[in-house]
Amino acid sequence: MEALPKDKQPTSNAAKGVAYCDKLFHLEKQFALLCPENRLKEREKQSKPLIDEFYDWIGKLNVLPKTHFGKAVQYAQSQRKYLERYITDGRLKISNNRAERSIKPFVIGRKNWLFSNTPSGARASAVYYSLAETAKENGLNPFEYLSWIFTQAPNLGKLGYVNSFADLLPGSTKIPPNVFIPKSKRTEPEKYAWEEV
């Protein structure tokens, strides 16, 4: 869009495509406080027709496939089933930005881990990073959570407090209260401007 003269940018096809996305995100802001069932109904009623209209529009465009806009159109068409996934379940988010932000520190630091001594060591690091981020996303203190897992896992299967691996997962009712981060001390991930509710 920046390649166009400023006076033509607002009426360009690229601007029209962005406007469709903006409308979908605007609808999501309106649905933010709904329960998943009602959010699903509203998505089917309002978002689905807008997505269908968007795909009808890009299907009628005559764009050169090697241009930036042509590549964007081709990408949108090839990814349709993935882009529409969120409208099939009221619990899903419209974007995966929160997950992307969670892994950002590891992407930035990957050069530091480039020289892991062994594949097993790299795999173990990935498992621990995954556990720590999953704990944070579920309101758990990663250190306390991992400490609790390591004290409970050796007794798994014996008569005791935890009987299966499911008892060790973040959503388990067996997790003691001291492992949770108090809500007053939790920090929400930074949001992009268009994600603000």
Protein backbone atom coordinates (compact mmCIF):
# COMPACT_ATOMS: atom_id res chain seq x y z
CA MET A 1 0.00 0.00 0.00
CA GLU A 2 2.92 2.39 0.76
CA ALA A 3 4.10 2.03 -2.86
CA LEU A 4 0.99 3.87 -4.06
CA PRO A 5 0.72 7.67 -4.09
CA LYS A 6 -0.83 8.94 -0.85
CA ASP A 7 -4.01 10.14 -2.54
CA LYS A 8 -4.69 6.63 -3.96
CA GLN A 9 -3.92 4.63 -0.81
CA PRO A 10 -7.33 5.00 0.93
CA THR A 11 -9.22 3.66 -2.11
CA SER A 12 -6.76 0.90 -3.02
CA ASN A 13 -7.63 -2.80 -2.96
CA ALA A 14 -5.09 -3.25 -0.17
CA ALA A 15 -6.95 -0.68 1.95
CA LYS A 16 -10.24 -2.47 1.23
CA GLY A 17 -8.70 -5.76 2.40
CA VAL A 18 -7.45 -4.14 5.60
CA ALA A 19 -10.93 -2.68 6.15
CA TYR A 20 -12.42 -6.21 6.10
CA CYS A 21 -9.91 -7.31 8.75
CA ASP A 22 -10.63 -4.21 10.84
CA LYS A 23 -14.37 -4.99 10.74
CA LEU A 24 -13.76 -8.56 11.92
CA PHE A 25 -11.58 -7.38 14.82
CA HIS A 26 -14.16 -4.72 15.68
CA LEU A 27 -16.84 -7.42 15.89
CA GLU A 28 -14.58 -9.46 18.19
CA LYS A 29 -14.31 -6.48 20.54
CA GLN A 30 -18.11 -6.39 20.68
CA PHE A 31 -18.24 -10.13 21.45
CA ALA A 32 -15.46 -10.06 24.07
CA LEU A 33 -17.70 -10.21 27.13
CA LEU A 34 -20.08 -12.85 25.77
CA CYS A 35 -20.00 -16.46 26.94
CA PRO A 36 -18.51 -18.86 24.35
CA GLU A 37 -21.94 -20.13 23.25
CA ASN A 38 -23.29 -16.62 22.56
CA ARG A 39 -20.00 -15.55 20.97
CA LEU A 40 -20.30 -18.49 18.57
CA LYS A 41 -23.87 -17.48 17.66
CA GLU A 42 -22.81 -13.88 17.00
CA ARG A 43 -19.85 -15.01 14.91
CA GLU A 44 -22.13 -17.20 12.81
CA LYS A 45 -24.60 -14.34 12.44
CA GLN A 46 -22.16 -11.44 11.82
CA SER A 47 -18.57 -12.59 11.23
CA LYS A 48 -19.25 -15.52 8.87
CA PRO A 49 -21.14 -13.40 6.29
CA LEU A 50 -18.35 -10.82 6.41
CA ILE A 51 -15.71 -13.49 5.81
CA ASP A 52 -17.75 -14.92 2.92
CA GLU A 53 -18.06 -11.41 1.46
CA PHE A 54 -14.29 -10.92 1.79
CA TYR A 55 -13.53 -14.19 -0.03
CA ASP A 56 -16.08 -13.37 -2.76
CA TRP A 57 -14.35 -10.02 -3.21
CA ILE A 58 -10.80 -11.38 -3.44
CA GLY A 59 -12.00 -14.17 -5.75
CA LYS A 60 -13.13 -11.54 -8.26
CA LEU A 61 -9.90 -9.53 -8.10
CA ASN A 62 -7.63 -9.62 -11.12
CA VAL A 63 -4.15 -9.33 -9.58
CA LEU A 64 -0.71 -10.28 -10.79
CA PRO A 65 0.43 -13.29 -8.71
CA LYS A 66 4.06 -12.12 -8.32
CA THR A 67 3.17 -8.72 -6.79
CA HIS A 68 3.01 -8.19 -3.03
CA PHE A 69 -0.76 -7.81 -3.22
CA GLY A 70 -1.06 -10.88 -5.44
CA LYS A 71 0.92 -12.92 -2.92
CA ALA A 72 -1.32 -11.64 -0.10
CA VAL A 73 -4.45 -12.66 -2.04
CA GLN A 74 -3.00 -16.09 -2.81
CA TYR A 75 -2.02 -16.54 0.86
CA ALA A 76 -5.50 -15.57 2.08
CA GLN A 77 -7.10 -18.03 -0.34
CA SER A 78 -4.78 -20.91 0.58
CA GLN A 79 -5.24 -20.31 4.31
CA ARG A 80 -9.03 -19.89 4.35
CA LYS A 81 -9.82 -23.01 6.38
CA TYR A 82 -7.31 -21.92 9.04
CA LEU A 83 -8.40 -18.27 9.03
CA GLU A 84 -12.03 -19.32 9.50
CA ARG A 85 -11.34 -21.78 12.31
CA TYR A 86 -12.13 -19.28 15.08
CA ILE A 87 -15.74 -18.91 13.92
CA THR A 88 -16.40 -22.61 14.59
CA ASP A 89 -15.76 -22.41 18.36
CA GLY A 90 -16.68 -19.57 20.70
CA ARG A 91 -13.67 -20.28 22.91
CA LEU A 92 -11.13 -19.55 20.18
CA LYS A 93 -9.53 -16.17 19.56
CA ILE A 94 -9.50 -14.44 16.20
CA SER A 95 -5.69 -14.36 16.18
CA ASN A 96 -2.81 -16.22 17.76
CA ASN A 97 -0.99 -13.05 18.83
CA ARG A 98 -1.02 -14.02 22.49
CA ALA A 99 0.75 -17.32 21.73
CA GLU A 100 3.17 -15.52 19.42
CA ARG A 101 4.04 -13.05 22.18
CA SER A 102 4.57 -15.91 24.64
CA ILE A 103 7.24 -17.49 22.48
CA LYS A 104 8.88 -14.19 21.47
CA PRO A 105 11.55 -14.31 24.22
CA PHE A 106 12.65 -17.72 23.00
CA VAL A 107 12.73 -16.63 19.37
CA ILE A 108 14.87 -13.64 20.31
CA GLY A 109 17.17 -15.82 22.43
CA ARG A 110 17.49 -18.75 20.05
CA LYS A 111 21.00 -17.72 18.98
CA ASN A 112 22.04 -18.27 22.59
CA TRP A 113 20.80 -21.85 22.38
CA LEU A 114 22.15 -22.53 18.91
CA PHE A 115 25.09 -24.45 20.31
CA SER A 116 23.25 -26.87 22.60
CA ASN A 117 25.70 -29.71 23.19
CA THR A 118 23.31 -32.50 22.20
CA PRO A 119 19.91 -32.91 20.54
CA SER A 120 18.65 -34.41 23.80
CA GLY A 121 19.73 -31.28 25.68
CA ALA A 122 17.97 -29.04 23.16
CA ARG A 123 14.82 -31.19 23.39
CA ALA A 124 14.90 -31.04 27.21
CA SER A 125 15.25 -27.25 27.11
CA ALA A 126 12.27 -27.00 24.75
CA VAL A 127 10.17 -29.15 27.10
CA TYR A 128 11.02 -26.99 30.12
CA TYR A 129 10.36 -23.73 28.25
CA SER A 130 7.03 -25.13 27.11
CA LEU A 131 6.12 -26.13 30.68
CA ALA A 132 7.10 -22.71 32.05
CA GLU A 133 5.08 -20.79 29.44
CA THR A 134 2.06 -23.08 29.86
CA ALA A 135 2.22 -22.52 33.62
CA LYS A 136 2.28 -18.74 33.14
CA GLU A 137 -0.65 -18.84 30.70
CA ASN A 138 -2.66 -20.77 33.31
CA GLY A 139 -1.90 -18.38 36.19
CA LEU A 140 0.68 -20.65 37.84
CA ASN A 141 4.05 -19.66 39.25
CA PRO A 142 6.43 -21.66 36.99
CA PHE A 143 9.00 -22.30 39.75
CA GLU A 144 6.38 -23.46 42.27
CA TYR A 145 4.57 -25.51 39.61
CA LEU A 146 7.70 -27.33 38.46
CA SER A 147 8.79 -27.89 42.07
CA TRP A 148 5.40 -29.41 42.83
CA ILE A 149 5.54 -31.63 39.72
CA PHE A 150 9.03 -32.89 40.60
CA THR A 151 7.97 -33.80 44.14
CA GLN A 152 4.76 -35.52 42.99
CA ALA A 153 5.96 -37.34 39.84
CA PRO A 154 8.12 -39.96 41.64
CA ASN A 155 5.04 -41.14 43.56
CA LEU A 156 2.82 -41.31 40.48
CA GLY A 157 0.73 -44.46 40.41
CA LYS A 158 1.25 -45.23 44.09
CA LEU A 159 -1.58 -44.69 46.50
CA GLY A 160 -1.40 -41.03 47.20
CA TYR A 161 -2.32 -37.52 46.20
CA VAL A 162 -1.77 -37.77 42.43
CA ASN A 163 -2.77 -40.91 40.55
CA SER A 164 -2.19 -40.03 36.88
CA PHE A 165 -0.35 -37.60 34.62
CA ALA A 166 -3.62 -35.68 34.22
CA ASP A 167 -3.35 -34.76 37.91
CA LEU A 168 -0.10 -32.91 37.10
CA LEU A 169 -1.48 -30.80 34.24
CA PRO A 170 -2.15 -27.06 34.70
CA GLY A 171 -5.95 -27.50 34.76
CA SER A 172 -5.88 -30.16 37.48
CA THR A 173 -7.86 -29.70 40.70
CA LYS A 174 -4.98 -31.40 42.55
CA ILE A 175 -2.68 -28.38 42.19
CA PRO A 176 -2.24 -26.76 45.62
CA PRO A 177 -3.26 -23.10 46.07
CA ASN A 178 0.30 -21.90 46.79
CA VAL A 179 1.29 -22.77 43.20
CA PHE A 180 -1.11 -20.18 41.74
CA ILE A 181 -0.07 -16.56 41.19
CA PRO A 182 -2.52 -14.27 43.03
CA LYS A 183 -4.72 -12.45 40.50
CA SER A 184 -3.54 -9.10 41.85
CA LYS A 185 0.05 -9.95 40.87
CA ARG A 186 -0.62 -11.43 37.44
CA THR A 187 0.55 -9.44 34.46
CA GLU A 188 -1.43 -9.65 31.28
CA PRO A 189 0.54 -9.85 28.06
CA GLU A 190 0.86 -6.58 26.20
CA LYS A 191 -1.89 -6.13 23.61
CA TYR A 192 -1.76 -4.58 20.19
CA ALA A 193 -3.89 -1.47 19.75
CA TRP A 194 -6.51 -3.27 17.68
CA GLU A 195 -6.86 -5.98 20.36
CA GLU A 196 -7.94 -3.55 23.07
CA VAL A 197 -11.46 -4.20 24.31
